[in-house]
Amino acid sequence: MIIKVALSIAIFGIIGMYLFTNLTQNAISIAEATNFVGQKVTVKGTVDSYYTSKDGHVFFSLSDMSGSIKAVVFRNSNIESAYNLKDGQKIILTGKVEEYKDAFEIIASKIDF
């Protein structure tokens, strides 16, 4: 009986730790994001210059108090919420920082509000 209780508590603890770390993922500033080329980051900011290409890719700038960065959501990324973004909207963007044509950009993998 004690083993079942201990095992239940351990499983509950592991699930709790997983949920806690995913829900409290720390966002960094956009200026800091440029130090993480090739890595996944999470940033918070305001959407600007939003547009969708004829191929269905979404492009916009994301700004915070530290600066701005271009963001790309490729149509095959399955981030449906990207098609409902509006200029001025505040979002939390997770994606991989890349350098393209001498500028930094984030290739989106997740968008939260």
N, C-alpha and C. Protein backbone atom coordinates (compact mmCIF):
# COMPACT_ATOMS: atom_id res chain seq x y z
N MET A 1 0.82 -1.20 0.00
CA MET A 1 0.00 0.00 0.00
C MET A 1 0.87 1.26 0.00
N ILE A 2 1.90 1.27 0.81
CA ILE A 2 2.79 2.43 0.90
C ILE A 2 3.49 2.66 -0.44
N ILE A 3 3.86 1.59 -1.11
CA ILE A 3 4.53 1.72 -2.41
C ILE A 3 3.60 2.36 -3.43
N LYS A 4 2.33 2.00 -3.44
CA LYS A 4 1.36 2.59 -4.36
C LYS A 4 1.19 4.08 -4.10
N VAL A 5 1.13 4.46 -2.84
CA VAL A 5 0.99 5.87 -2.48
C VAL A 5 2.24 6.64 -2.90
N ALA A 6 3.41 6.09 -2.61
CA ALA A 6 4.66 6.75 -2.97
C ALA A 6 4.79 6.89 -4.48
N LEU A 7 4.43 5.86 -5.21
CA LEU A 7 4.48 5.91 -6.67
C LEU A 7 3.51 6.94 -7.22
N SER A 8 2.32 7.01 -6.65
CA SER A 8 1.33 8.00 -7.08
C SER A 8 1.83 9.41 -6.83
N ILE A 9 2.43 9.65 -5.69
CA ILE A 9 2.97 10.98 -5.36
C ILE A 9 4.11 11.33 -6.31
N ALA A 10 4.97 10.37 -6.62
CA ALA A 10 6.09 10.62 -7.53
C ALA A 10 5.59 10.97 -8.92
N ILE A 11 4.62 10.24 -9.42
CA ILE A 11 4.06 10.52 -10.75
C ILE A 11 3.41 11.89 -10.76
N PHE A 12 2.64 12.20 -9.73
CA PHE A 12 1.99 13.51 -9.62
C PHE A 12 3.04 14.62 -9.62
N GLY A 13 4.14 14.41 -8.90
CA GLY A 13 5.22 15.41 -8.84
C GLY A 13 5.88 15.63 -10.18
N ILE A 14 6.12 14.55 -10.92
CA ILE A 14 6.74 14.67 -12.25
C ILE A 14 5.82 15.43 -13.20
N ILE A 15 4.55 15.11 -13.18
CA ILE A 15 3.60 15.81 -14.04
C ILE A 15 3.52 17.28 -13.65
N GLY A 16 3.51 17.56 -12.36
CA GLY A 16 3.46 18.94 -11.88
C GLY A 16 4.69 19.73 -12.31
N MET A 17 5.86 19.13 -12.21
CA MET A 17 7.09 19.82 -12.63
C MET A 17 7.06 20.11 -14.13
N TYR A 18 6.58 19.15 -14.91
CA TYR A 18 6.50 19.35 -16.36
C TYR A 18 5.57 20.51 -16.69
N LEU A 19 4.39 20.51 -16.09
CA LEU A 19 3.43 21.59 -16.35
C LEU A 19 3.97 22.93 -15.89
N PHE A 20 4.59 22.97 -14.73
CA PHE A 20 5.12 24.22 -14.19
C PHE A 20 6.20 24.80 -15.08
N THR A 21 7.12 23.97 -15.56
CA THR A 21 8.20 24.48 -16.41
C THR A 21 7.68 24.94 -17.75
N ASN A 22 6.68 24.28 -18.30
CA ASN A 22 6.13 24.71 -19.58
C ASN A 22 5.29 25.97 -19.46
N LEU A 23 4.59 26.15 -18.36
CA LEU A 23 3.74 27.32 -18.19
C LEU A 23 4.53 28.55 -17.76
N THR A 24 5.69 28.36 -17.20
CA THR A 24 6.47 29.49 -16.72
C THR A 24 7.74 29.72 -17.54
N GLN A 25 7.70 29.31 -18.80
CA GLN A 25 8.86 29.50 -19.65
C GLN A 25 9.20 30.99 -19.68
N ASN A 26 10.44 31.30 -19.40
CA ASN A 26 10.85 32.69 -19.28
C ASN A 26 11.04 33.33 -20.65
N ALA A 27 10.41 34.45 -20.85
CA ALA A 27 10.61 35.22 -22.07
C ALA A 27 11.80 36.14 -21.87
N ILE A 28 12.57 36.31 -22.93
CA ILE A 28 13.71 37.22 -22.88
C ILE A 28 13.37 38.43 -23.75
N SER A 29 14.17 39.48 -23.61
CA SER A 29 13.93 40.67 -24.42
C SER A 29 14.34 40.38 -25.87
N ILE A 30 13.82 41.16 -26.77
CA ILE A 30 14.16 41.00 -28.17
C ILE A 30 15.64 41.28 -28.40
N ALA A 31 16.19 42.25 -27.71
CA ALA A 31 17.63 42.53 -27.84
C ALA A 31 18.45 41.32 -27.41
N GLU A 32 18.03 40.65 -26.34
CA GLU A 32 18.74 39.46 -25.88
C GLU A 32 18.62 38.32 -26.89
N ALA A 33 17.50 38.22 -27.57
CA ALA A 33 17.25 37.12 -28.50
C ALA A 33 18.31 37.04 -29.60
N THR A 34 18.86 38.19 -29.98
CA THR A 34 19.86 38.20 -31.06
C THR A 34 21.16 37.51 -30.65
N ASN A 35 21.32 37.22 -29.36
CA ASN A 35 22.50 36.49 -28.88
C ASN A 35 22.32 34.98 -28.96
N PHE A 36 21.18 34.52 -29.45
CA PHE A 36 20.86 33.10 -29.44
C PHE A 36 20.59 32.56 -30.85
N VAL A 37 21.41 32.96 -31.82
CA VAL A 37 21.24 32.49 -33.19
C VAL A 37 21.33 30.96 -33.22
N GLY A 38 20.37 30.36 -33.89
CA GLY A 38 20.33 28.90 -34.00
C GLY A 38 19.65 28.21 -32.84
N GLN A 39 19.16 29.00 -31.88
CA GLN A 39 18.53 28.43 -30.69
C GLN A 39 17.07 28.88 -30.58
N LYS A 40 16.32 28.10 -29.83
CA LYS A 40 14.92 28.42 -29.59
C LYS A 40 14.81 29.40 -28.43
N VAL A 41 13.99 30.44 -28.62
CA VAL A 41 13.77 31.46 -27.59
C VAL A 41 12.29 31.76 -27.48
N THR A 42 11.93 32.42 -26.39
CA THR A 42 10.58 32.95 -26.22
C THR A 42 10.71 34.44 -25.92
N VAL A 43 9.97 35.25 -26.69
CA VAL A 43 9.97 36.70 -26.51
C VAL A 43 8.53 37.20 -26.45
N LYS A 44 8.36 38.32 -25.76
CA LYS A 44 7.06 39.00 -25.71
C LYS A 44 7.18 40.30 -26.47
N GLY A 45 6.13 40.68 -27.17
CA GLY A 45 6.20 41.94 -27.88
C GLY A 45 4.90 42.30 -28.56
N THR A 46 4.97 43.38 -29.34
CA THR A 46 3.83 43.93 -30.05
C THR A 46 4.02 43.72 -31.55
N VAL A 47 2.99 43.21 -32.19
CA VAL A 47 3.02 42.93 -33.63
C VAL A 47 2.93 44.24 -34.41
N ASP A 48 3.73 44.32 -35.49
CA ASP A 48 3.70 45.47 -36.38
C ASP A 48 4.04 44.99 -37.79
N SER A 49 3.59 45.71 -38.80
CA SER A 49 3.89 45.42 -40.21
C SER A 49 3.50 44.00 -40.60
N TYR A 50 2.34 43.57 -40.15
CA TYR A 50 1.84 42.22 -40.41
C TYR A 50 1.37 42.08 -41.86
N TYR A 51 1.78 41.00 -42.51
CA TYR A 51 1.20 40.67 -43.81
C TYR A 51 1.35 39.18 -44.10
N THR A 52 0.48 38.68 -44.96
CA THR A 52 0.51 37.30 -45.39
C THR A 52 0.91 37.27 -46.86
N SER A 53 1.89 36.46 -47.21
CA SER A 53 2.34 36.37 -48.61
C SER A 53 1.34 35.56 -49.43
N LYS A 54 1.47 35.64 -50.74
CA LYS A 54 0.58 34.88 -51.62
C LYS A 54 0.78 33.38 -51.43
N ASP A 55 1.92 32.97 -50.88
CA ASP A 55 2.19 31.55 -50.62
C ASP A 55 1.65 31.09 -49.27
N GLY A 56 1.06 32.02 -48.50
CA GLY A 56 0.47 31.66 -47.22
C GLY A 56 1.40 31.77 -46.03
N HIS A 57 2.58 32.33 -46.22
CA HIS A 57 3.50 32.56 -45.11
C HIS A 57 3.15 33.90 -44.45
N VAL A 58 3.35 33.99 -43.14
CA VAL A 58 3.03 35.21 -42.40
C VAL A 58 4.33 35.89 -41.98
N PHE A 59 4.39 37.18 -42.19
CA PHE A 59 5.56 37.99 -41.82
C PHE A 59 5.11 39.16 -40.97
N PHE A 60 5.88 39.49 -39.95
CA PHE A 60 5.60 40.67 -39.14
C PHE A 60 6.84 41.04 -38.35
N SER A 61 6.82 42.22 -37.77
CA SER A 61 7.86 42.65 -36.85
C SER A 61 7.30 42.51 -35.44
N LEU A 62 8.17 42.18 -34.51
CA LEU A 62 7.78 42.10 -33.11
C LEU A 62 8.67 43.06 -32.34
N SER A 63 8.06 43.94 -31.55
CA SER A 63 8.82 44.98 -30.84
C SER A 63 8.55 44.93 -29.35
N ASP A 64 9.60 45.26 -28.59
CA ASP A 64 9.45 45.51 -27.15
C ASP A 64 10.29 46.75 -26.84
N MET A 65 10.48 47.04 -25.57
CA MET A 65 11.22 48.25 -25.19
C MET A 65 12.69 48.19 -25.60
N SER A 66 13.22 46.99 -25.88
CA SER A 66 14.64 46.85 -26.20
C SER A 66 14.92 46.88 -27.70
N GLY A 67 13.89 46.73 -28.54
CA GLY A 67 14.12 46.73 -29.97
C GLY A 67 13.04 45.98 -30.72
N SER A 68 13.35 45.62 -31.96
CA SER A 68 12.39 44.87 -32.77
C SER A 68 13.13 43.80 -33.57
N ILE A 69 12.37 42.80 -34.01
CA ILE A 69 12.93 41.70 -34.79
C ILE A 69 11.86 41.23 -35.76
N LYS A 70 12.29 40.77 -36.92
CA LYS A 70 11.35 40.21 -37.89
C LYS A 70 10.95 38.82 -37.42
N ALA A 71 9.73 38.44 -37.74
CA ALA A 71 9.23 37.11 -37.40
C ALA A 71 8.57 36.51 -38.63
N VAL A 72 8.72 35.20 -38.78
CA VAL A 72 8.16 34.48 -39.91
C VAL A 72 7.40 33.27 -39.38
N VAL A 73 6.20 33.08 -39.92
CA VAL A 73 5.43 31.88 -39.64
C VAL A 73 5.20 31.21 -40.99
N PHE A 74 5.88 30.11 -41.23
CA PHE A 74 5.70 29.40 -42.49
C PHE A 74 4.38 28.65 -42.48
N ARG A 75 3.74 28.57 -43.61
CA ARG A 75 2.40 27.98 -43.67
C ARG A 75 2.38 26.54 -43.21
N ASN A 76 3.48 25.80 -43.36
CA ASN A 76 3.51 24.41 -42.93
C ASN A 76 3.78 24.24 -41.44
N SER A 77 3.87 25.35 -40.71
CA SER A 77 4.11 25.28 -39.26
C SER A 77 2.85 24.96 -38.47
N ASN A 78 1.68 25.04 -39.14
CA ASN A 78 0.40 24.72 -38.50
C ASN A 78 0.08 25.61 -37.30
N ILE A 79 0.46 26.88 -37.37
CA ILE A 79 0.11 27.84 -36.33
C ILE A 79 -1.04 28.69 -36.87
N GLU A 80 -2.23 28.17 -36.72
CA GLU A 80 -3.42 28.83 -37.29
C GLU A 80 -3.65 30.23 -36.73
N SER A 81 -3.28 30.44 -35.47
CA SER A 81 -3.50 31.75 -34.85
C SER A 81 -2.70 32.85 -35.54
N ALA A 82 -1.67 32.50 -36.30
CA ALA A 82 -0.86 33.51 -37.00
C ALA A 82 -1.68 34.27 -38.02
N TYR A 83 -2.72 33.65 -38.56
CA TYR A 83 -3.53 34.29 -39.59
C TYR A 83 -4.54 35.27 -39.01
N ASN A 84 -4.63 35.32 -37.68
CA ASN A 84 -5.56 36.23 -37.02
C ASN A 84 -4.86 37.37 -36.29
N LEU A 85 -3.56 37.49 -36.43
CA LEU A 85 -2.82 38.55 -35.76
C LEU A 85 -3.18 39.91 -36.34
N LYS A 86 -3.05 40.93 -35.52
CA LYS A 86 -3.32 42.31 -35.93
C LYS A 86 -2.18 43.20 -35.47
N ASP A 87 -1.89 44.22 -36.24
CA ASP A 87 -0.89 45.20 -35.80
C ASP A 87 -1.32 45.77 -34.45
N GLY A 88 -0.37 45.91 -33.54
CA GLY A 88 -0.65 46.44 -32.21
C GLY A 88 -0.97 45.37 -31.18
N GLN A 89 -1.15 44.14 -31.62
CA GLN A 89 -1.49 43.05 -30.70
C GLN A 89 -0.25 42.57 -29.96
N LYS A 90 -0.41 42.31 -28.66
CA LYS A 90 0.68 41.79 -27.84
C LYS A 90 0.63 40.27 -27.85
N ILE A 91 1.80 39.65 -28.11
CA ILE A 91 1.88 38.19 -28.18
C ILE A 91 3.13 37.69 -27.47
N ILE A 92 3.15 36.39 -27.25
CA ILE A 92 4.34 35.69 -26.77
C ILE A 92 4.73 34.75 -27.90
N LEU A 93 5.91 34.94 -28.44
CA LEU A 93 6.37 34.19 -29.60
C LEU A 93 7.53 33.28 -29.21
N THR A 94 7.41 32.02 -29.58
CA THR A 94 8.50 31.06 -29.38
C THR A 94 8.96 30.61 -30.75
N GLY A 95 10.27 30.57 -30.94
CA GLY A 95 10.80 30.14 -32.22
C GLY A 95 12.32 30.16 -32.23
N LYS A 96 12.87 29.78 -33.36
CA LYS A 96 14.32 29.69 -33.54
C LYS A 96 14.85 30.99 -34.14
N VAL A 97 15.88 31.54 -33.52
CA VAL A 97 16.51 32.77 -34.01
C VAL A 97 17.44 32.41 -35.17
N GLU A 98 17.27 33.11 -36.28
CA GLU A 98 18.11 32.89 -37.46
C GLU A 98 18.63 34.23 -37.95
N GLU A 99 19.69 34.18 -38.73
CA GLU A 99 20.20 35.37 -39.40
C GLU A 99 19.94 35.20 -40.89
N TYR A 100 19.24 36.16 -41.49
CA TYR A 100 18.87 36.09 -42.89
C TYR A 100 19.08 37.45 -43.52
N LYS A 101 19.89 37.49 -44.56
CA LYS A 101 20.20 38.74 -45.26
C LYS A 101 20.68 39.81 -44.27
N ASP A 102 21.65 39.45 -43.45
CA ASP A 102 22.27 40.36 -42.48
C ASP A 102 21.32 40.94 -41.45
N ALA A 103 20.21 40.26 -41.19
CA ALA A 103 19.27 40.70 -40.16
C ALA A 103 18.82 39.48 -39.36
N PHE A 104 18.44 39.72 -38.12
CA PHE A 104 17.95 38.63 -37.28
C PHE A 104 16.45 38.46 -37.48
N GLU A 105 15.99 37.23 -37.37
CA GLU A 105 14.57 36.94 -37.43
C GLU A 105 14.28 35.71 -36.58
N ILE A 106 13.02 35.57 -36.20
CA ILE A 106 12.59 34.40 -35.44
C ILE A 106 11.65 33.60 -36.33
N ILE A 107 11.97 32.33 -36.51
CA ILE A 107 11.10 31.42 -37.23
C ILE A 107 10.16 30.81 -36.19
N ALA A 108 8.91 31.17 -36.26
CA ALA A 108 7.95 30.84 -35.21
C ALA A 108 7.64 29.34 -35.15
N SER A 109 7.51 28.85 -33.91
CA SER A 109 7.03 27.48 -33.69
C SER A 109 5.78 27.49 -32.80
N LYS A 110 5.54 28.65 -32.13
CA LYS A 110 4.38 28.75 -31.25
C LYS A 110 4.05 30.23 -31.01
N ILE A 111 2.76 30.53 -30.96
CA ILE A 111 2.30 31.88 -30.63
C ILE A 111 1.25 31.76 -29.52
N ASP A 112 1.47 32.50 -28.45
CA ASP A 112 0.52 32.58 -27.34
C ASP A 112 0.07 34.02 -27.17
N PHE A 113 -1.05 34.18 -26.48
CA PHE A 113 -1.60 35.52 -26.26
C PHE A 113 -1.66 35.86 -24.79
